C-alpha atoms as a PDB file:
ATOM      1  CA  MET A   1       2.371  -9.768 -21.402  1.00  0.00           C
ATOM      2  CA  LYS A   2       0.149  -8.295 -18.676  1.00  0.00           C
ATOM      3  CA  SER A   3       0.157  -4.544 -18.139  1.00  0.00           C
ATOM      4  CA  ALA A   4      -1.711  -2.068 -15.965  1.00  0.00           C
ATOM      5  CA  TYR A   5      -2.852   0.943 -17.882  1.00  0.00           C
ATOM      6  CA  LEU A   6      -3.897   4.391 -16.548  1.00  0.00           C
ATOM      7  CA  ILE A   7      -6.844   5.272 -18.700  1.00  0.00           C
ATOM      8  CA  GLN A   8      -7.930   8.457 -16.990  1.00  0.00           C
ATOM      9  CA  PRO A   9      -7.925   9.707 -13.401  1.00  0.00           C
ATOM     10  CA  PHE A  10      -8.742   6.907 -10.905  1.00  0.00           C
ATOM     11  CA  ASP A  11      -9.196   4.469 -13.799  1.00  0.00           C
ATOM     12  CA  ILE A  12      -6.595   1.646 -13.985  1.00  0.00           C
ATOM     13  CA  GLN A  13      -7.263  -1.294 -16.291  1.00  0.00           C
ATOM     14  CA  ILE A  14      -5.284  -4.529 -16.809  1.00  0.00           C
ATOM     15  CA  GLY A  15      -4.690  -5.516 -20.414  1.00  0.00           C
ATOM     16  CA  GLU A  16      -2.436  -7.651 -22.628  1.00  0.00           C
ATOM     17  CA  SER A  17       0.164  -6.456 -25.070  1.00  0.00           C
ATOM     18  CA  SER A  18       3.230  -7.871 -26.923  1.00  0.00           C
ATOM     19  CA  VAL A  19       6.465  -8.296 -25.059  1.00  0.00           C
ATOM     20  CA  PRO A  20       8.751  -5.527 -26.444  1.00  0.00           C
ATOM     21  CA  SER A  21      11.978  -6.413 -28.397  1.00  0.00           C
ATOM     22  CA  PRO A  22      15.127  -4.656 -27.206  1.00  0.00           C
ATOM     23  CA  GLY A  23      16.474  -2.208 -29.766  1.00  0.00           C
ATOM     24  CA  TYR A  24      20.087  -1.039 -30.312  1.00  0.00           C
ATOM     25  CA  GLY A  25      21.813  -0.584 -26.954  1.00  0.00           C
ATOM     26  CA  GLU A  26      18.711  -1.813 -25.010  1.00  0.00           C
ATOM     27  CA  VAL A  27      17.984  -4.683 -22.701  1.00  0.00           C
ATOM     28  CA  LEU A  28      14.702  -6.571 -22.025  1.00  0.00           C
ATOM     29  CA  ILE A  29      13.904  -6.824 -18.366  1.00  0.00           C
ATOM     30  CA  LYS A  30      11.404  -9.195 -16.748  1.00  0.00           C
ATOM     31  CA  LEU A  31      10.220  -7.173 -13.890  1.00  0.00           C
ATOM     32  CA  THR A  32       9.950  -8.695 -10.434  1.00  0.00           C
ATOM     33  CA  MET A  33       8.984  -5.770  -8.143  1.00  0.00           C
ATOM     34  CA  VAL A  34       7.992  -2.159  -8.598  1.00  0.00           C
ATOM     35  CA  GLY A  35       7.546   0.447  -5.885  1.00  0.00           C
ATOM     36  CA  ILE A  36       4.787   2.939  -5.826  1.00  0.00           C
ATOM     37  CA  CYS A  37       6.042   6.558  -5.894  1.00  0.00           C
ATOM     38  CA  GLY A  38       4.193   9.768  -4.956  1.00  0.00           C
ATOM     39  CA  SER A  39       4.388  10.703  -8.679  1.00  0.00           C
ATOM     40  CA  ASP A  40       2.470   7.549  -9.556  1.00  0.00           C
ATOM     41  CA  ILE A  41      -0.221   8.624  -7.040  1.00  0.00           C
ATOM     42  CA  HIS A  42      -0.301  12.092  -8.599  1.00  0.00           C
ATOM     43  CA  LEU A  43      -0.825  10.645 -12.111  1.00  0.00           C
ATOM     44  CA  TYR A  44      -3.528   8.276 -10.746  1.00  0.00           C
ATOM     45  CA  LYS A  45      -5.503  11.150  -9.312  1.00  0.00           C
ATOM     46  CA  ASN A  46      -4.878  13.702 -12.037  1.00  0.00           C
ATOM     47  CA  GLY A  47      -4.332  11.712 -15.207  1.00  0.00           C
ATOM     48  CA  HIS A  48      -1.802  12.228 -17.917  1.00  0.00           C
ATOM     49  CA  SER A  49      -1.439  14.387 -20.989  1.00  0.00           C
ATOM     50  CA  TYR A  50      -1.498  11.650 -23.656  1.00  0.00           C
ATOM     51  CA  ASP A  51      -4.360  10.492 -25.904  1.00  0.00           C
ATOM     52  CA  ASN A  52      -3.452   6.751 -25.299  1.00  0.00           C
ATOM     53  CA  PRO A  53      -3.477   4.820 -22.012  1.00  0.00           C
ATOM     54  CA  LEU A  54      -0.176   5.013 -20.152  1.00  0.00           C
ATOM     55  CA  ILE A  55       1.664   2.327 -18.166  1.00  0.00           C
ATOM     56  CA  ILE A  56       2.928   4.329 -15.110  1.00  0.00           C
ATOM     57  CA  GLY A  57       5.490   3.212 -12.535  1.00  0.00           C
ATOM     58  CA  HIS A  58       9.253   3.573 -12.511  1.00  0.00           C
ATOM     59  CA  GLU A  59      10.773   2.132  -9.334  1.00  0.00           C
ATOM     60  CA  GLY A  60      11.515  -1.157 -11.004  1.00  0.00           C
ATOM     61  CA  ILE A  61      13.868  -4.150 -10.482  1.00  0.00           C
ATOM     62  CA  GLY A  62      14.060  -7.446 -12.433  1.00  0.00           C
ATOM     63  CA  ILE A  63      16.160  -9.847 -14.541  1.00  0.00           C
ATOM     64  CA  ILE A  64      17.577  -9.214 -17.897  1.00  0.00           C
ATOM     65  CA  GLN A  65      16.037 -11.663 -20.336  1.00  0.00           C
ATOM     66  CA  ALA A  66      17.427 -10.507 -23.734  1.00  0.00           C
ATOM     67  CA  VAL A  67      19.690  -7.883 -25.154  1.00  0.00           C
ATOM     68  CA  GLY A  68      19.642  -5.765 -28.285  1.00  0.00           C
ATOM     69  CA  GLU A  69      22.491  -5.151 -30.727  1.00  0.00           C
ATOM     70  CA  GLY A  70      25.443  -3.472 -29.068  1.00  0.00           C
ATOM     71  CA  VAL A  71      24.906  -5.013 -25.645  1.00  0.00           C
ATOM     72  CA  SER A  72      26.936  -8.060 -24.469  1.00  0.00           C
ATOM     73  CA  ASN A  73      25.101 -11.340 -24.218  1.00  0.00           C
ATOM     74  CA  GLU A  74      26.824 -11.728 -20.836  1.00  0.00           C
ATOM     75  CA  ARG A  75      24.245  -9.348 -19.376  1.00  0.00           C
ATOM     76  CA  ILE A  76      21.519 -11.845 -19.843  1.00  0.00           C
ATOM     77  CA  GLY A  77      20.430 -13.204 -16.359  1.00  0.00           C
ATOM     78  CA  GLU A  78      21.657 -10.179 -14.399  1.00  0.00           C
ATOM     79  CA  ARG A  79      19.636  -8.926 -11.504  1.00  0.00           C
ATOM     80  CA  VAL A  80      19.142  -5.180 -12.150  1.00  0.00           C
ATOM     81  CA  VAL A  81      17.590  -1.976 -10.844  1.00  0.00           C
ATOM     82  CA  ILE A  82      16.238   0.551 -13.285  1.00  0.00           C
ATOM     83  CA  GLU A  83      17.393   4.214 -13.287  1.00  0.00           C
ATOM     84  CA  PRO A  84      14.178   5.662 -14.743  1.00  0.00           C
ATOM     85  CA  ASN A  85      15.208   9.240 -15.442  1.00  0.00           C
ATOM     86  CA  ILE A  86      17.351   9.317 -18.581  1.00  0.00           C
ATOM     87  CA  PRO A  87      19.227  12.549 -19.454  1.00  0.00           C
ATOM     88  CA  CYS A  88      20.132  13.390 -23.059  1.00  0.00           C
ATOM     89  CA  LEU A  89      23.746  14.321 -22.114  1.00  0.00           C
ATOM     90  CA  ASP A  90      23.734  16.857 -24.926  1.00  0.00           C
ATOM     91  CA  CYS A  91      21.703  19.875 -23.749  1.00  0.00           C
ATOM     92  CA  PRO A  92      23.050  22.958 -21.851  1.00  0.00           C
ATOM     93  CA  GLU A  93      21.830  21.559 -18.543  1.00  0.00           C
ATOM     94  CA  CYS A  94      23.591  18.205 -19.125  1.00  0.00           C
ATOM     95  CA  TRP A  95      26.743  19.933 -20.246  1.00  0.00           C
ATOM     96  CA  SER A  96      26.794  22.058 -17.105  1.00  0.00           C
ATOM     97  CA  GLY A  97      26.515  18.929 -14.886  1.00  0.00           C
ATOM     98  CA  ARG A  98      22.756  19.315 -14.152  1.00  0.00           C
ATOM     99  CA  GLY A  99      21.299  16.285 -15.926  1.00  0.00           C
ATOM    100  CA  ASN A 100      18.684  15.974 -13.304  1.00  0.00           C
ATOM    101  CA  VAL A 101      16.920  19.046 -14.909  1.00  0.00           C
ATOM    102  CA  CYS A 102      17.713  17.991 -18.480  1.00  0.00           C
ATOM    103  CA  ARG A 103      15.239  19.625 -20.917  1.00  0.00           C
ATOM    104  CA  ASN A 104      15.109  16.426 -23.065  1.00  0.00           C
ATOM    105  CA  LYS A 105      15.019  13.959 -20.216  1.00  0.00           C
ATOM    106  CA  ARG A 106      13.208  10.725 -20.745  1.00  0.00           C
ATOM    107  CA  ILE A 107      11.068   9.783 -17.801  1.00  0.00           C
ATOM    108  CA  ILE A 108       9.880   6.187 -17.569  1.00  0.00           C
ATOM    109  CA  GLY A 109       6.296   5.885 -16.441  1.00  0.00           C
ATOM    110  CA  VAL A 110       5.579   9.581 -16.988  1.00  0.00           C
ATOM    111  CA  LEU A 111       6.664  10.582 -20.509  1.00  0.00           C
ATOM    112  CA  GLU A 112       6.718   7.038 -21.846  1.00  0.00           C
ATOM    113  CA  PRO A 113       5.586   3.532 -20.776  1.00  0.00           C
ATOM    114  CA  GLY A 114       6.718   2.491 -17.388  1.00  0.00           C
ATOM    115  CA  CYS A 115       7.066  -0.475 -15.118  1.00  0.00           C
ATOM    116  CA  PHE A 116       3.650  -1.602 -13.920  1.00  0.00           C
ATOM    117  CA  THR A 117       3.918  -4.380 -16.488  1.00  0.00           C
ATOM    118  CA  GLU A 118       5.757  -7.715 -16.890  1.00  0.00           C
ATOM    119  CA  TYR A 119       8.419  -6.700 -19.328  1.00  0.00           C
ATOM    120  CA  VAL A 120      10.166  -3.452 -20.239  1.00  0.00           C
ATOM    121  CA  SER A 121      12.898  -2.637 -22.735  1.00  0.00           C
ATOM    122  CA  LEU A 122      15.215   0.158 -21.830  1.00  0.00           C
ATOM    123  CA  PRO A 123      18.690   1.510 -22.616  1.00  0.00           C
ATOM    124  CA  ALA A 124      21.384  -0.682 -20.987  1.00  0.00           C
ATOM    125  CA  LYS A 125      23.319   2.437 -19.757  1.00  0.00           C
ATOM    126  CA  VAL A 126      20.591   3.091 -17.137  1.00  0.00           C
ATOM    127  CA  ILE A 127      20.200  -0.487 -16.007  1.00  0.00           C
ATOM    128  CA  HIS A 128      22.433  -1.098 -13.041  1.00  0.00           C
ATOM    129  CA  THR A 129      23.633  -4.479 -12.040  1.00  0.00           C
ATOM    130  CA  LEU A 130      22.821  -5.547  -8.495  1.00  0.00           C
ATOM    131  CA  PRO A 131      25.424  -7.362  -6.437  1.00  0.00           C
ATOM    132  CA  GLU A 132      24.235 -10.813  -5.108  1.00  0.00           C
ATOM    133  CA  SER A 133      24.530  -9.567  -1.548  1.00  0.00           C
ATOM    134  CA  ILE A 134      21.724  -7.029  -2.058  1.00  0.00           C
ATOM    135  CA  SER A 135      18.347  -8.448  -1.172  1.00  0.00           C
ATOM    136  CA  THR A 136      15.407  -8.015  -3.454  1.00  0.00           C
ATOM    137  CA  ILE A 137      13.672  -5.957  -0.652  1.00  0.00           C
ATOM    138  CA  ASP A 138      16.496  -3.480  -0.503  1.00  0.00           C
ATOM    139  CA  ALA A 139      16.893  -3.493  -4.269  1.00  0.00           C
ATOM    140  CA  VAL A 140      13.387  -2.196  -5.000  1.00  0.00           C
ATOM    141  CA  ALA A 141      13.846   0.745  -2.671  1.00  0.00           C
ATOM    142  CA  ILE A 142      17.236   1.889  -4.256  1.00  0.00           C
ATOM    143  CA  GLU A 143      15.606   4.375  -6.645  1.00  0.00           C
ATOM    144  CA  PRO A 144      13.804   6.483  -3.951  1.00  0.00           C
ATOM    145  CA  ALA A 145      16.816   5.967  -1.665  1.00  0.00           C
ATOM    146  CA  THR A 146      18.993   7.535  -4.313  1.00  0.00           C
ATOM    147  CA  VAL A 147      16.667  10.639  -4.428  1.00  0.00           C
ATOM    148  CA  ALA A 148      17.213  11.070  -0.643  1.00  0.00           C
ATOM    149  CA  LEU A 149      20.913  10.453  -0.846  1.00  0.00           C
ATOM    150  CA  ALA A 150      21.414  12.952  -3.619  1.00  0.00           C
ATOM    151  CA  ALA A 151      19.574  15.691  -1.657  1.00  0.00           C
ATOM    152  CA  LEU A 152      21.756  14.920   1.401  1.00  0.00           C
ATOM    153  CA  ASN A 153      24.805  15.288  -0.732  1.00  0.00           C
ATOM    154  CA  ARG A 154      23.602  18.533  -2.318  1.00  0.00           C
ATOM    155  CA  SER A 155      22.939  19.969   1.139  1.00  0.00           C
ATOM    156  CA  GLY A 156      26.609  20.158   2.078  1.00  0.00           C
ATOM    157  CA  ALA A 157      25.757  18.689   5.546  1.00  0.00           C
ATOM    158  CA  LYS A 158      28.432  16.254   6.845  1.00  0.00           C
ATOM    159  CA  PRO A 159      28.267  13.248   9.120  1.00  0.00           C
ATOM    160  CA  GLY A 160      28.123  14.405  12.710  1.00  0.00           C
ATOM    161  CA  ASP A 161      25.920  17.481  11.730  1.00  0.00           C
ATOM    162  CA  LYS A 162      22.418  17.966  12.870  1.00  0.00           C
ATOM    163  CA  ILE A 163      19.699  18.028  10.228  1.00  0.00           C
ATOM    164  CA  ALA A 164      15.973  18.416  10.256  1.00  0.00           C
ATOM    165  CA  VAL A 165      13.418  16.472   8.199  1.00  0.00           C
ATOM    166  CA  ILE A 166       9.816  17.662   7.754  1.00  0.00           C
ATOM    167  CA  GLY A 167       7.470  14.881   6.565  1.00  0.00           C
ATOM    168  CA  LEU A 168       8.026  11.141   6.768  1.00  0.00           C
ATOM    169  CA  GLY A 169       6.716   9.874   3.477  1.00  0.00           C
ATOM    170  CA  ALA A 170       9.021   7.440   1.655  1.00  0.00           C
ATOM    171  CA  ILE A 171      11.659  10.112   0.854  1.00  0.00           C
ATOM    172  CA  GLY A 172      11.595  11.635   4.356  1.00  0.00           C
ATOM    173  CA  MET A 173      11.822   8.156   5.903  1.00  0.00           C
ATOM    174  CA  LEU A 174      14.691   7.200   3.678  1.00  0.00           C
ATOM    175  CA  MET A 175      16.434  10.500   4.313  1.00  0.00           C
ATOM    176  CA  THR A 176      16.088   9.719   8.076  1.00  0.00           C
ATOM    177  CA  HIS A 177      17.395   6.227   7.656  1.00  0.00           C
ATOM    178  CA  ILE A 178      20.409   7.173   5.461  1.00  0.00           C
ATOM    179  CA  ALA A 179      21.346  10.176   7.610  1.00  0.00           C
ATOM    180  CA  THR A 180      21.208   8.277  10.881  1.00  0.00           C
ATOM    181  CA  SER A 181      23.095   5.404   9.332  1.00  0.00           C
ATOM    182  CA  LEU A 182      25.814   7.748   8.183  1.00  0.00           C
ATOM    183  CA  GLY A 183      26.232   9.488  11.612  1.00  0.00           C
ATOM    184  CA  TYR A 184      24.037  12.522  11.282  1.00  0.00           C
ATOM    185  CA  GLU A 185      21.797  13.675  14.171  1.00  0.00           C
ATOM    186  CA  VAL A 186      18.254  13.810  12.771  1.00  0.00           C
ATOM    187  CA  PHE A 187      15.219  15.766  14.030  1.00  0.00           C
ATOM    188  CA  VAL A 188      11.945  14.645  12.397  1.00  0.00           C
ATOM    189  CA  THR A 189       8.487  16.245  12.277  1.00  0.00           C
ATOM    190  CA  GLU A 190       5.436  14.220  11.230  1.00  0.00           C
ATOM    191  CA  ILE A 191       1.744  13.964  12.283  1.00  0.00           C
ATOM    192  CA  MET A 192       1.259  10.150  11.946  1.00  0.00           C
ATOM    193  CA  GLU A 193       2.254   8.123  15.078  1.00  0.00           C
ATOM    194  CA  PRO A 194       3.355   4.956  13.286  1.00  0.00           C
ATOM    195  CA  LYS A 195       5.736   6.920  11.158  1.00  0.00           C
ATOM    196  CA  ILE A 196       7.096   8.877  14.096  1.00  0.00           C
ATOM    197  CA  LYS A 197       7.675   5.584  15.934  1.00  0.00           C
ATOM    198  CA  LYS A 198       9.567   4.139  12.941  1.00  0.00           C
ATOM    199  CA  ALA A 199      11.787   7.131  12.615  1.00  0.00           C
ATOM    200  CA  VAL A 200      12.602   7.137  16.287  1.00  0.00           C
ATOM    201  CA  GLU A 201      13.475   3.461  16.082  1.00  0.00           C
ATOM    202  CA  MET A 202      15.981   4.485  13.394  1.00  0.00           C
ATOM    203  CA  GLY A 203      17.618   6.864  15.840  1.00  0.00           C
ATOM    204  CA  ALA A 204      15.850  10.157  15.023  1.00  0.00           C
ATOM    205  CA  THR A 205      14.449  12.645  17.533  1.00  0.00           C
ATOM    206  CA  TYR A 206      10.810  13.675  17.186  1.00  0.00           C
ATOM    207  CA  VAL A 207       9.915  17.325  17.048  1.00  0.00           C
ATOM    208  CA  PRO A 208       6.143  18.284  17.387  1.00  0.00           C
ATOM    209  CA  VAL A 209       4.859  20.946  14.829  1.00  0.00           C
ATOM    210  CA  ASP A 210       3.869  23.369  17.536  1.00  0.00           C
ATOM    211  CA  ILE A 211       7.385  23.622  18.952  1.00  0.00           C
ATOM    212  CA  ILE A 212       9.391  23.229  15.778  1.00  0.00           C
ATOM    213  CA  GLU A 213      10.813  26.824  15.716  1.00  0.00           C
ATOM    214  CA  LYS A 214      11.775  26.599  19.315  1.00  0.00           C
ATOM    215  CA  VAL A 215      13.600  23.191  18.999  1.00  0.00           C
ATOM    216  CA  TYR A 216      15.372  24.397  15.785  1.00  0.00           C
ATOM    217  CA  ALA A 217      16.535  27.553  17.511  1.00  0.00           C
ATOM    218  CA  ALA A 218      17.996  25.551  20.349  1.00  0.00           C
ATOM    219  CA  GLU A 219      19.493  22.596  18.388  1.00  0.00           C
ATOM    220  CA  GLU A 220      20.592  24.617  15.315  1.00  0.00           C
ATOM    221  CA  PRO A 221      20.393  22.044  12.502  1.00  0.00           C
ATOM    222  CA  VAL A 222      22.513  22.980   9.570  1.00  0.00           C
ATOM    223  CA  VAL A 223      19.903  22.177   7.001  1.00  0.00           C
ATOM    224  CA  VAL A 224      16.154  21.598   6.922  1.00  0.00           C
ATOM    225  CA  PHE A 225      14.782  19.055   4.443  1.00  0.00           C
ATOM    226  CA  GLU A 226      11.046  19.678   3.435  1.00  0.00           C
ATOM    227  CA  CYS A 227       9.852  16.179   2.422  1.00  0.00           C
ATOM    228  CA  ALA A 228       6.136  16.482   3.184  1.00  0.00           C
ATOM    229  CA  GLY A 229       4.867  18.065   0.018  1.00  0.00           C
ATOM    230  CA  ALA A 230       1.826  19.222   1.908  1.00  0.00           C
ATOM    231  CA  GLU A 231       0.016  22.449   1.129  1.00  0.00           C
ATOM    232  CA  LYS A 232       1.947  24.711   3.569  1.00  0.00           C
ATOM    233  CA  SER A 233       4.900  22.547   4.519  1.00  0.00           C
ATOM    234  CA  ALA A 234       7.412  24.605   2.487  1.00  0.00           C
ATOM    235  CA  THR A 235       6.328  27.751   4.159  1.00  0.00           C
ATOM    236  CA  MET A 236       6.632  26.107   7.570  1.00  0.00           C
ATOM    237  CA  ALA A 237      10.142  24.867   6.731  1.00  0.00           C
ATOM    238  CA  ILE A 238      11.265  28.297   5.598  1.00  0.00           C
ATOM    239  CA  GLU A 239       9.757  30.017   8.640  1.00  0.00           C
ATOM    240  CA  ALA A 240      11.283  27.535  11.047  1.00  0.00           C
ATOM    241  CA  ALA A 241      14.699  27.439   9.608  1.00  0.00           C
ATOM    242  CA  PRO A 242      17.215  29.236  11.842  1.00  0.00           C
ATOM    243  CA  ARG A 243      19.396  32.106  10.653  1.00  0.00           C
ATOM    244  CA  GLY A 244      21.798  30.962   7.880  1.00  0.00           C
ATOM    245  CA  VAL A 245      20.302  27.519   7.503  1.00  0.00           C
ATOM    246  CA  ASP A 246      19.379  26.265   3.949  1.00  0.00           C
ATOM    247  CA  VAL A 247      16.012  24.725   3.225  1.00  0.00           C
ATOM    248  CA  ILE A 248      16.116  21.785   0.745  1.00  0.00           C
ATOM    249  CA  LEU A 249      12.764  21.186  -1.002  1.00  0.00           C
ATOM    250  CA  LEU A 250      12.028  17.538  -1.879  1.00  0.00           C
ATOM    251  CA  GLY A 251       8.190  17.442  -1.225  1.00  0.00           C
ATOM    252  CA  LEU A 252       7.376  19.011  -4.615  1.00  0.00           C
ATOM    253  CA  SER A 253       3.867  20.229  -3.675  1.00  0.00           C
ATOM    254  CA  GLU A 254       2.001  21.977  -6.391  1.00  0.00           C
ATOM    255  CA  ALA A 255       0.198  24.110  -3.886  1.00  0.00           C
ATOM    256  CA  GLN A 256       1.101  27.822  -3.635  1.00  0.00           C
ATOM    257  CA  ASN A 257       3.351  28.627  -0.611  1.00  0.00           C
ATOM    258  CA  CYS A 258       4.560  31.956   0.552  1.00  0.00           C
ATOM    259  CA  PHE A 259       7.468  33.525   2.434  1.00  0.00           C
ATOM    260  CA  ASN A 260       8.526  37.027   3.506  1.00  0.00           C
ATOM    261  CA  PRO A 261      11.413  38.055   1.218  1.00  0.00           C
ATOM    262  CA  ARG A 262      12.737  40.588   3.851  1.00  0.00           C
ATOM    263  CA  SER A 263      12.769  38.022   6.590  1.00  0.00           C
ATOM    264  CA  LEU A 264      14.405  35.368   4.342  1.00  0.00           C
ATOM    265  CA  SER A 265      17.145  37.893   3.353  1.00  0.00           C
ATOM    266  CA  ARG A 266      17.803  39.083   6.807  1.00  0.00           C
ATOM    267  CA  LYS A 267      18.037  35.415   8.050  1.00  0.00           C
ATOM    268  CA  GLY A 268      20.339  34.490   5.172  1.00  0.00           C
ATOM    269  CA  ASN A 269      18.428  31.301   4.265  1.00  0.00           C
ATOM    270  CA  ASN A 270      18.772  29.709   0.829  1.00  0.00           C
ATOM    271  CA  ILE A 271      15.834  27.822  -0.665  1.00  0.00           C
ATOM    272  CA  ILE A 272      17.262  24.891  -2.718  1.00  0.00           C
ATOM    273  CA  PRO A 273      15.075  22.530  -4.854  1.00  0.00           C
ATOM    274  CA  SER A 274      16.326  18.978  -5.132  1.00  0.00           C
ATOM    275  CA  LEU A 275      15.015  17.062  -8.015  1.00  0.00           C
ATOM    276  CA  ILE A 276      15.867  13.342  -8.428  1.00  0.00           C
ATOM    277  CA  TYR A 277      19.678  12.592  -8.746  1.00  0.00           C
ATOM    278  CA  ASP A 278      22.685  12.978 -10.961  1.00  0.00           C
ATOM    279  CA  HIS A 279      23.349  10.353 -13.663  1.00  0.00           C
ATOM    280  CA  PRO A 280      25.018   7.887 -13.190  1.00  0.00           C
ATOM    281  CA  PHE A 281      26.970   8.691 -10.034  1.00  0.00           C
ATOM    282  CA  ASP A 282      24.301   8.876  -7.403  1.00  0.00           C
ATOM    283  CA  PHE A 283      22.790   5.586  -8.312  1.00  0.00           C
ATOM    284  CA  LYS A 284      26.193   3.922  -8.086  1.00  0.00           C
ATOM    285  CA  ARG A 285      26.891   5.512  -4.660  1.00  0.00           C
ATOM    286  CA  CYS A 286      23.627   4.275  -3.307  1.00  0.00           C
ATOM    287  CA  ILE A 287      24.143   0.752  -4.565  1.00  0.00           C
ATOM    288  CA  ARG A 288      27.556   0.593  -2.970  1.00  0.00           C
ATOM    289  CA  LEU A 289      26.106   1.785   0.409  1.00  0.00           C
ATOM    290  CA  VAL A 290      23.461  -1.006   0.191  1.00  0.00           C
ATOM    291  CA  GLU A 291      26.109  -3.573  -0.881  1.00  0.00           C
ATOM    292  CA  LYS A 292      28.302  -2.782   2.067  1.00  0.00           C
ATOM    293  CA  GLY A 293      25.396  -3.026   4.472  1.00  0.00           C
ATOM    294  CA  ILE A 294      25.618   0.605   5.607  1.00  0.00           C
ATOM    295  CA  ILE A 295      21.996   1.306   4.599  1.00  0.00           C
ATOM    296  CA  HIS A 296      18.994  -1.023   4.211  1.00  0.00           C
ATOM    297  CA  PRO A 297      16.374   1.057   2.322  1.00  0.00           C
ATOM    298  CA  GLY A 298      13.941  -1.938   2.061  1.00  0.00           C
ATOM    299  CA  GLN A 299      13.030  -1.505   5.789  1.00  0.00           C
ATOM    300  CA  ILE A 300      10.552   1.271   4.859  1.00  0.00           C
ATOM    301  CA  ILE A 301       8.432  -1.222   2.785  1.00  0.00           C
ATOM    302  CA  SER A 302       5.268  -1.687   4.721  1.00  0.00           C
ATOM    303  CA  CYS A 303       2.780  -3.364   2.249  1.00  0.00           C
ATOM    304  CA  TYR A 304       2.711  -5.493  -0.931  1.00  0.00           C
ATOM    305  CA  TYR A 305       0.093  -5.955  -3.716  1.00  0.00           C
ATOM    306  CA  ALA A 306      -0.113  -8.043  -6.880  1.00  0.00           C
ATOM    307  CA  LEU A 307      -0.163  -6.245 -10.317  1.00  0.00           C
ATOM    308  CA  ASP A 308      -3.888  -7.157 -10.779  1.00  0.00           C
ATOM    309  CA  ASP A 309      -4.580  -5.052  -7.630  1.00  0.00           C
ATOM    310  CA  LEU A 310      -2.693  -1.958  -8.646  1.00  0.00           C
ATOM    311  CA  LYS A 311      -5.866   0.246  -8.474  1.00  0.00           C
ATOM    312  CA  GLU A 312      -6.505  -0.882  -4.875  1.00  0.00           C
ATOM    313  CA  ALA A 313      -2.743  -0.383  -4.027  1.00  0.00           C
ATOM    314  CA  LEU A 314      -2.844   3.208  -5.438  1.00  0.00           C
ATOM    315  CA  GLU A 315      -5.978   4.003  -3.449  1.00  0.00           C
ATOM    316  CA  HIS A 316      -4.244   2.721  -0.352  1.00  0.00           C
ATOM    317  CA  ALA A 317      -1.025   4.590  -1.088  1.00  0.00           C
ATOM    318  CA  SER A 318      -2.985   7.805  -1.650  1.00  0.00           C
ATOM    319  CA  LYS A 319      -4.075   7.830   1.985  1.00  0.00           C
ATOM    320  CA  GLY A 320      -0.446   8.423   3.109  1.00  0.00           C
ATOM    321  CA  THR A 321      -0.582   5.858   5.968  1.00  0.00           C
ATOM    322  CA  GLU A 322       1.998   3.493   4.583  1.00  0.00           C
ATOM    323  CA  ASN A 323       5.749   4.131   4.318  1.00  0.00           C
ATOM    324  CA  LYS A 324       6.133   2.415   1.001  1.00  0.00           C
ATOM    325  CA  ILE A 325       3.895  -0.053  -0.998  1.00  0.00           C
ATOM    326  CA  VAL A 326       5.444  -2.368  -3.514  1.00  0.00           C
ATOM    327  CA  ILE A 327       3.810  -4.271  -6.402  1.00  0.00           C
ATOM    328  CA  ARG A 328       4.957  -7.835  -6.831  1.00  0.00           C
ATOM    329  CA  ILE A 329       5.135  -8.615 -10.570  1.00  0.00           C
ATOM    330  CA  SER A 330       6.806 -12.035 -10.714  1.00  0.00           C
ATOM    331  CA  GLU A 331       9.172 -14.328  -8.854  1.00  0.00           C
ATOM    332  CA  GLU A 332      12.943 -13.580  -9.039  1.00  0.00           C
ATOM    333  CA  THR A 333      14.169 -16.390 -11.142  1.00  0.00           C
ATOM    334  CA  LYS A 334      17.045 -16.160 -13.592  1.00  0.00           C
ATOM    335  CA  GLN A 335      16.705 -17.321 -17.189  1.00  0.00           C
END
């Protein structure tokens, strides 16, 4: 099979390897599409910690081609989406219901070979069947949509509430789409005009950076979602948040940010990190919302590339001008 390997920072090479055989409890998936995530861009720019080349990528969909022992043959031919973060379900974090921060978590495309390849073999328990009504375009955006949906659920905000979204990358755009679709009033802040236009078309209200505190004070959103991941965006979100309003961090910037503890305490703001989603419930919730036509996450996809052009696609994605770039691996044909 053909695979794209990250050799070192900015070095992607296409190579050949053997198709993996599914082990006990696993299924073999022929991948059809894989989305590019911000974590893929980070790995592309900074490399990984392994001696061997790594296949990155984790936002995959495809068709089950074979099953290992312990998995029903009836699953062969299923259209599926991959849940790429696999908690151990046996550590203190998992036992306390926080599998998203599992200390033994398997992370496809980061800690082990990922999805920028033609075939992948993974545990059947994290491979979700896609209803026929879900289009391929929506399906490939389900994983990042689940990240946004999980953060919205964790925030405690309810439909009809006002929320604020800072940064319209893929997660910020999906947060905007999901929230407006579910009946929230959404205020967005972004610097790129095409992204602002897209969010406004979704039903959001644009808030320029220079008046963000004034607008928040007047509109009183119940939660601020920091989705930019820029150098000082978390600081901006914390400073702009009105009294008593929580700040949910999704941007995951590695840059140092700062805040005034006294001001934070007096205002009564909570800073809450939101990492991925809870297994397996959030994925199932997101799939149901797509199946019922309530959300259409595929609408954020703005560009496609072939697997052979992954390096070019990652370079393009790193500029931050696209909402979501997807790699086409193969045609969606059942066995």
